[in-house]
PDB file of N, CA and C in Angstrom:
ATOM      1  N   MET A   1       0.904  -1.127   0.050  1.00  0.00           N
ATOM      2  CA  MET A   1       0.231   0.064  -0.019  1.00  0.00           C
ATOM      3  C   MET A   1       0.854   1.408   0.032  1.00  0.00           C
ATOM      4  N   ARG A   2       0.593   2.092  -0.936  1.00  0.00           N
ATOM      5  CA  ARG A   2       1.236   3.682  -0.863  1.00  0.00           C
ATOM      6  C   ARG A   2       0.900   4.502  -0.024  1.00  0.00           C
ATOM      7  N   SER A   3       1.531   5.283   0.233  1.00  0.00           N
ATOM      8  CA  SER A   3       0.936   6.570   1.451  1.00  0.00           C
ATOM      9  C   SER A   3       1.359   8.143   0.451  1.00  0.00           C
ATOM     10  N   ASN A   4       0.434   8.813   0.989  1.00  0.00           N
ATOM     11  CA  ASN A   4       0.510  10.325   0.326  1.00  0.00           C
ATOM     12  C   ASN A   4       0.621  11.064   1.500  1.00  0.00           C
ATOM     13  N   PRO A   5       1.120  12.376   1.527  1.00  0.00           N
ATOM     14  CA  PRO A   5       1.343  13.098   2.594  1.00  0.00           C
ATOM     15  C   PRO A   5      -0.011  13.889   2.578  1.00  0.00           C
ATOM     16  N   CYS A   6      -0.690  14.042   3.495  1.00  0.00           N
ATOM     17  CA  CYS A   6      -1.764  14.950   4.028  1.00  0.00           C
ATOM     18  C   CYS A   6      -1.876  16.295   3.518  1.00  0.00           C
ATOM     19  N   PRO A   7      -2.928  16.773   2.657  1.00  0.00           N
ATOM     20  CA  PRO A   7      -2.765  18.230   2.542  1.00  0.00           C
ATOM     21  C   PRO A   7      -3.180  19.319   3.432  1.00  0.00           C
ATOM     22  N   LYS A   8      -3.698  18.480   4.460  1.00  0.00           N
ATOM     23  CA  LYS A   8      -4.199  19.390   5.570  1.00  0.00           C
ATOM     24  C   LYS A   8      -2.812  19.722   6.535  1.00  0.00           C
ATOM     25  N   CYS A   9      -2.398  18.369   7.184  1.00  0.00           N
ATOM     26  CA  CYS A   9      -1.369  18.518   8.299  1.00  0.00           C
ATOM     27  C   CYS A   9      -0.175  17.859   7.772  1.00  0.00           C
ATOM     28  N   GLN A  10       0.312  17.513   6.598  1.00  0.00           N
ATOM     29  CA  GLN A  10       1.377  16.856   6.238  1.00  0.00           C
ATOM     30  C   GLN A  10       1.748  15.355   6.542  1.00  0.00           C
ATOM     31  N   SER A  11       0.846  14.808   7.261  1.00  0.00           N
ATOM     32  CA  SER A  11       0.998  13.631   7.989  1.00  0.00           C
ATOM     33  C   SER A  11       0.848  12.409   6.964  1.00  0.00           C
ATOM     34  N   THR A  12       1.081  11.191   7.353  1.00  0.00           N
ATOM     35  CA  THR A  12       0.983  10.162   6.457  1.00  0.00           C
ATOM     36  C   THR A  12      -0.421   9.728   6.349  1.00  0.00           C
ATOM     37  N   MET A  13      -0.841   9.459   4.871  1.00  0.00           N
ATOM     38  CA  MET A  13      -2.203   9.189   4.647  1.00  0.00           C
ATOM     39  C   MET A  13      -1.929   7.679   4.451  1.00  0.00           C
ATOM     40  N   THR A  14      -3.226   6.696   4.566  1.00  0.00           N
ATOM     41  CA  THR A  14      -3.572   5.303   3.841  1.00  0.00           C
ATOM     42  C   THR A  14      -4.618   5.346   2.983  1.00  0.00           C
ATOM     43  N   GLU A  15      -4.507   4.339   2.078  1.00  0.00           N
ATOM     44  CA  GLU A  15      -5.390   4.173   1.285  1.00  0.00           C
ATOM     45  C   GLU A  15      -6.506   3.033   1.640  1.00  0.00           C
ATOM     46  N   GLY A  16      -7.565   3.104   1.268  1.00  0.00           N
ATOM     47  CA  GLY A  16      -8.713   2.355   1.702  1.00  0.00           C
ATOM     48  C   GLY A  16      -9.767   2.418   0.764  1.00  0.00           C
ATOM     49  N   PHE A  17     -10.872   2.107   1.348  1.00  0.00           N
ATOM     50  CA  PHE A  17     -12.204   2.534   0.993  1.00  0.00           C
ATOM     51  C   PHE A  17     -13.365   2.651   1.620  1.00  0.00           C
ATOM     52  N   VAL A  18     -14.189   3.353   1.175  1.00  0.00           N
ATOM     53  CA  VAL A  18     -15.472   3.493   1.877  1.00  0.00           C
ATOM     54  C   VAL A  18     -16.874   2.511   1.519  1.00  0.00           C
ATOM     55  N   LEU A  19     -17.716   1.820   2.384  1.00  0.00           N
ATOM     56  CA  LEU A  19     -18.726   0.955   2.073  1.00  0.00           C
ATOM     57  C   LEU A  19     -20.014   1.471   1.996  1.00  0.00           C
ATOM     58  N   THR A  20     -20.867   1.411   1.628  1.00  0.00           N
ATOM     59  CA  THR A  20     -22.299   1.798   1.388  1.00  0.00           C
ATOM     60  C   THR A  20     -23.212   0.216   1.548  1.00  0.00           C
ATOM     61  N   GLU A  21     -24.576   0.387   1.968  1.00  0.00           N
ATOM     62  CA  GLU A  21     -25.397  -0.677   2.004  1.00  0.00           C
ATOM     63  C   GLU A  21     -26.201  -0.604   0.804  1.00  0.00           C
ATOM     64  N   ARG A  22     -26.494  -1.560   0.128  1.00  0.00           N
ATOM     65  CA  ARG A  22     -27.367  -1.605  -0.860  1.00  0.00           C
ATOM     66  C   ARG A  22     -28.185  -3.042  -0.919  1.00  0.00           C
ATOM     67  N   HIS A  23     -29.257  -2.754  -0.724  1.00  0.00           N
ATOM     68  CA  HIS A  23     -30.443  -4.180  -0.503  1.00  0.00           C
ATOM     69  C   HIS A  23     -29.939  -5.143   0.359  1.00  0.00           C
ATOM     70  N   GLY A  24     -29.497  -4.507   1.335  1.00  0.00           N
ATOM     71  CA  GLY A  24     -29.127  -5.395   2.621  1.00  0.00           C
ATOM     72  C   GLY A  24     -27.482  -6.091   2.377  1.00  0.00           C
ATOM     73  N   MET A  25     -26.804  -5.491   1.260  1.00  0.00           N
ATOM     74  CA  MET A  25     -25.454  -6.147   1.282  1.00  0.00           C
ATOM     75  C   MET A  25     -24.360  -4.760   1.259  1.00  0.00           C
ATOM     76  N   LEU A  26     -23.387  -5.132   1.544  1.00  0.00           N
ATOM     77  CA  LEU A  26     -22.107  -3.977   1.630  1.00  0.00           C
ATOM     78  C   LEU A  26     -21.482  -3.942   0.137  1.00  0.00           C
ATOM     79  N   ALA A  27     -21.311  -2.764  -0.442  1.00  0.00           N
ATOM     80  CA  ALA A  27     -20.962  -2.551  -1.760  1.00  0.00           C
ATOM     81  C   ALA A  27     -20.096  -1.268  -1.510  1.00  0.00           C
ATOM     82  N   LEU A  28     -18.972  -1.013  -2.668  1.00  0.00           N
ATOM     83  CA  LEU A  28     -17.826   0.072  -2.721  1.00  0.00           C
ATOM     84  C   LEU A  28     -18.801   1.354  -3.148  1.00  0.00           C
ATOM     85  N   LEU A  29     -18.496   2.321  -2.799  1.00  0.00           N
ATOM     86  CA  LEU A  29     -18.847   3.484  -3.447  1.00  0.00           C
ATOM     87  C   LEU A  29     -18.465   3.877  -4.780  1.00  0.00           C
ATOM     88  N   SER A  30     -19.108   4.362  -5.722  1.00  0.00           N
ATOM     89  CA  SER A  30     -18.274   4.660  -7.271  1.00  0.00           C
ATOM     90  C   SER A  30     -18.808   5.961  -7.742  1.00  0.00           C
ATOM     91  N   TRP A  31     -18.507   6.357  -8.649  1.00  0.00           N
ATOM     92  CA  TRP A  31     -18.496   7.970  -9.214  1.00  0.00           C
ATOM     93  C   TRP A  31     -19.201   7.699 -10.478  1.00  0.00           C
ATOM     94  N   SER A  32     -20.171   8.297 -10.901  1.00  0.00           N
ATOM     95  CA  SER A  32     -20.758   8.262 -12.270  1.00  0.00           C
ATOM     96  C   SER A  32     -20.809   9.616 -12.899  1.00  0.00           C
ATOM     97  N   ARG A  33     -20.660   9.909 -14.322  1.00  0.00           N
ATOM     98  CA  ARG A  33     -20.744  10.986 -14.845  1.00  0.00           C
ATOM     99  C   ARG A  33     -22.080  11.811 -14.975  1.00  0.00           C
ATOM    100  N   GLY A  34     -21.835  13.057 -15.197  1.00  0.00           N
ATOM    101  CA  GLY A  34     -23.416  13.708 -15.207  1.00  0.00           C
ATOM    102  C   GLY A  34     -24.015  14.083 -13.803  1.00  0.00           C
ATOM    103  N   THR A  35     -25.232  14.362 -13.803  1.00  0.00           N
ATOM    104  CA  THR A  35     -26.111  14.948 -12.789  1.00  0.00           C
ATOM    105  C   THR A  35     -27.050  13.474 -12.377  1.00  0.00           C
ATOM    106  N   PRO A  36     -27.283  13.099 -11.072  1.00  0.00           N
ATOM    107  CA  PRO A  36     -28.304  12.338 -10.912  1.00  0.00           C
ATOM    108  C   PRO A  36     -29.725  12.349 -11.204  1.00  0.00           C
ATOM    109  N   ARG A  37     -30.149  11.512 -11.582  1.00  0.00           N
ATOM    110  CA  ARG A  37     -31.698  11.577 -12.172  1.00  0.00           C
ATOM    111  C   ARG A  37     -32.468  10.598 -11.247  1.00  0.00           C
ATOM    112  N   LYS A  38     -33.327  11.291 -10.767  1.00  0.00           N
ATOM    113  CA  LYS A  38     -34.297  10.275  -9.563  1.00  0.00           C
ATOM    114  C   LYS A  38     -35.270   9.455 -10.752  1.00  0.00           C
ATOM    115  N   GLY A  39     -35.312   8.121  -9.975  1.00  0.00           N
ATOM    116  CA  GLY A  39     -36.240   7.128 -10.963  1.00  0.00           C
ATOM    117  C   GLY A  39     -37.358   6.638  -9.791  1.00  0.00           C
ATOM    118  N   TRP A  40     -37.824   5.818 -10.540  1.00  0.00           N
ATOM    119  CA  TRP A  40     -39.189   5.282  -9.857  1.00  0.00           C
ATOM    120  C   TRP A  40     -38.512   4.510  -8.224  1.00  0.00           C
ATOM    121  N   PHE A  41     -37.371   3.839  -8.455  1.00  0.00           N
ATOM    122  CA  PHE A  41     -36.719   3.227  -7.379  1.00  0.00           C
ATOM    123  C   PHE A  41     -35.596   3.699  -6.716  1.00  0.00           C
ATOM    124  N   GLY A  42     -35.428   5.036  -6.959  1.00  0.00           N
ATOM    125  CA  GLY A  42     -34.109   5.713  -6.440  1.00  0.00           C
ATOM    126  C   GLY A  42     -33.415   6.466  -7.598  1.00  0.00           C
ATOM    127  N   VAL A  43     -32.029   6.557  -7.644  1.00  0.00           N
ATOM    128  CA  VAL A  43     -31.058   7.226  -8.539  1.00  0.00           C
ATOM    129  C   VAL A  43     -30.837   6.331  -9.595  1.00  0.00           C
ATOM    130  N   ARG A  44     -31.172   6.935 -10.689  1.00  0.00           N
ATOM    131  CA  ARG A  44     -30.663   6.263 -11.836  1.00  0.00           C
ATOM    132  C   ARG A  44     -29.126   6.321 -12.127  1.00  0.00           C
ATOM    133  N   GLN A  45     -28.730   5.445 -12.707  1.00  0.00           N
ATOM    134  CA  GLN A  45     -27.159   5.659 -13.271  1.00  0.00           C
ATOM    135  C   GLN A  45     -27.102   6.568 -14.148  1.00  0.00           C
ATOM    136  N   GLY A  46     -25.675   7.403 -14.013  1.00  0.00           N
ATOM    137  CA  GLY A  46     -25.375   8.281 -14.911  1.00  0.00           C
ATOM    138  C   GLY A  46     -24.892   7.677 -16.400  1.00  0.00           C
ATOM    139  N   SER A  47     -24.225   8.450 -17.163  1.00  0.00           N
ATOM    140  CA  SER A  47     -24.097   7.998 -18.408  1.00  0.00           C
ATOM    141  C   SER A  47     -22.617   7.397 -18.138  1.00  0.00           C
ATOM    142  N   GLY A  48     -22.259   6.507 -19.090  1.00  0.00           N
ATOM    143  CA  GLY A  48     -20.807   5.637 -18.789  1.00  0.00           C
ATOM    144  C   GLY A  48     -20.925   4.717 -17.731  1.00  0.00           C
ATOM    145  N   LYS A  49     -19.757   3.951 -17.442  1.00  0.00           N
ATOM    146  CA  LYS A  49     -19.776   2.858 -16.827  1.00  0.00           C
ATOM    147  C   LYS A  49     -19.091   3.538 -15.249  1.00  0.00           C
ATOM    148  N   PRO A  50     -19.943   2.939 -14.086  1.00  0.00           N
ATOM    149  CA  PRO A  50     -19.484   3.937 -12.701  1.00  0.00           C
ATOM    150  C   PRO A  50     -17.845   3.258 -12.457  1.00  0.00           C
ATOM    151  N   ILE A  51     -17.273   4.250 -11.768  1.00  0.00           N
ATOM    152  CA  ILE A  51     -15.757   4.025 -11.333  1.00  0.00           C
ATOM    153  C   ILE A  51     -15.787   4.041  -9.852  1.00  0.00           C
ATOM    154  N   GLU A  52     -15.278   2.737  -9.486  1.00  0.00           N
ATOM    155  CA  GLU A  52     -14.987   2.709  -7.933  1.00  0.00           C
ATOM    156  C   GLU A  52     -14.248   3.763  -7.481  1.00  0.00           C
ATOM    157  N   ILE A  53     -14.333   4.025  -6.111  1.00  0.00           N
ATOM    158  CA  ILE A  53     -13.722   5.212  -5.410  1.00  0.00           C
ATOM    159  C   ILE A  53     -12.800   4.589  -4.528  1.00  0.00           C
ATOM    160  N   SER A  54     -11.520   5.133  -4.633  1.00  0.00           N
ATOM    161  CA  SER A  54     -10.546   4.686  -3.191  1.00  0.00           C
ATOM    162  C   SER A  54     -10.588   6.025  -2.590  1.00  0.00           C
ATOM    163  N   THR A  55     -10.213   5.625  -1.383  1.00  0.00           N
ATOM    164  CA  THR A  55     -10.257   6.707  -0.311  1.00  0.00           C
ATOM    165  C   THR A  55      -9.099   6.687   0.408  1.00  0.00           C
ATOM    166  N   TRP A  56      -8.240   7.835   0.474  1.00  0.00           N
ATOM    167  CA  TRP A  56      -6.883   7.998   1.676  1.00  0.00           C
ATOM    168  C   TRP A  56      -7.673   8.803   2.695  1.00  0.00           C
ATOM    169  N   ARG A  57      -7.129   8.316   3.889  1.00  0.00           N
ATOM    170  CA  ARG A  57      -7.296   8.690   5.331  1.00  0.00           C
ATOM    171  C   ARG A  57      -6.012   9.073   5.843  1.00  0.00           C
ATOM    172  N   CYS A  58      -6.217  10.373   6.599  1.00  0.00           N
ATOM    173  CA  CYS A  58      -4.869  10.837   7.399  1.00  0.00           C
ATOM    174  C   CYS A  58      -5.033  10.032   8.400  1.00  0.00           C
ATOM    175  N   GLN A  59      -3.682   9.586   9.066  1.00  0.00           N
ATOM    176  CA  GLN A  59      -3.463   8.928  10.246  1.00  0.00           C
ATOM    177  C   GLN A  59      -3.460   9.919  11.527  1.00  0.00           C
ATOM    178  N   ARG A  60      -3.396  11.201  11.087  1.00  0.00           N
ATOM    179  CA  ARG A  60      -3.158  12.185  12.048  1.00  0.00           C
ATOM    180  C   ARG A  60      -4.226  13.062  12.448  1.00  0.00           C
ATOM    181  N   CYS A  61      -5.003  13.671  11.337  1.00  0.00           N
ATOM    182  CA  CYS A  61      -6.086  14.279  11.568  1.00  0.00           C
ATOM    183  C   CYS A  61      -7.513  13.741  11.078  1.00  0.00           C
ATOM    184  N   GLY A  62      -7.559  12.554  10.314  1.00  0.00           N
ATOM    185  CA  GLY A  62      -8.850  11.813   9.935  1.00  0.00           C
ATOM    186  C   GLY A  62      -9.201  12.559   8.423  1.00  0.00           C
ATOM    187  N   PHE A  63      -8.352  13.379   7.677  1.00  0.00           N
ATOM    188  CA  PHE A  63      -8.786  14.099   6.630  1.00  0.00           C
ATOM    189  C   PHE A  63      -9.357  12.950   5.555  1.00  0.00           C
ATOM    190  N   LEU A  64     -10.169  12.790   4.652  1.00  0.00           N
ATOM    191  CA  LEU A  64     -10.726  11.792   3.894  1.00  0.00           C
ATOM    192  C   LEU A  64     -10.509  12.527   2.419  1.00  0.00           C
ATOM    193  N   GLU A  65      -9.798  11.732   1.523  1.00  0.00           N
ATOM    194  CA  GLU A  65      -9.346  12.525   0.141  1.00  0.00           C
ATOM    195  C   GLU A  65      -9.846  11.116  -0.957  1.00  0.00           C
ATOM    196  N   ASN A  66     -10.780  11.486  -1.611  1.00  0.00           N
ATOM    197  CA  ASN A  66     -11.113  10.432  -2.663  1.00  0.00           C
ATOM    198  C   ASN A  66     -10.670  10.744  -3.974  1.00  0.00           C
ATOM    199  N   TYR A  67     -10.626   9.422  -4.739  1.00  0.00           N
ATOM    200  CA  TYR A  67      -9.635   9.168  -5.966  1.00  0.00           C
ATOM    201  C   TYR A  67     -10.991   8.349  -6.802  1.00  0.00           C
ATOM    202  N   ALA A  68     -11.345   8.583  -8.234  1.00  0.00           N
ATOM    203  CA  ALA A  68     -12.031   7.683  -8.968  1.00  0.00           C
ATOM    204  C   ALA A  68     -11.095   7.504 -10.038  1.00  0.00           C
ATOM    205  N   ARG A  69     -10.236   6.523 -10.129  1.00  0.00           N
ATOM    206  CA  ARG A  69      -9.373   6.344 -11.305  1.00  0.00           C
ATOM    207  C   ARG A  69      -9.754   5.227 -12.080  1.00  0.00           C
ATOM    208  N   ASP A  70      -9.500   5.339 -13.540  1.00  0.00           N
ATOM    209  CA  ASP A  70      -9.963   4.102 -14.264  1.00  0.00           C
ATOM    210  C   ASP A  70      -9.092   2.956 -13.964  1.00  0.00           C
TER     211      ASP A  70
END
């Protein structure tokens, strides 16, 4: 696992991920292009394939920084 310096306090950041619950199961957060559109059963997916989000957390101050890389 790599580490980046925190943009807030310059301490070490560690890569991880954020979970959400969908239909009673845990899932990774993802990013979708465009604006959200409400549908009958919640929000419809944006255009294109969703990209999973990786999250970095500062070990000192707790700052979170998200990245959506292809």
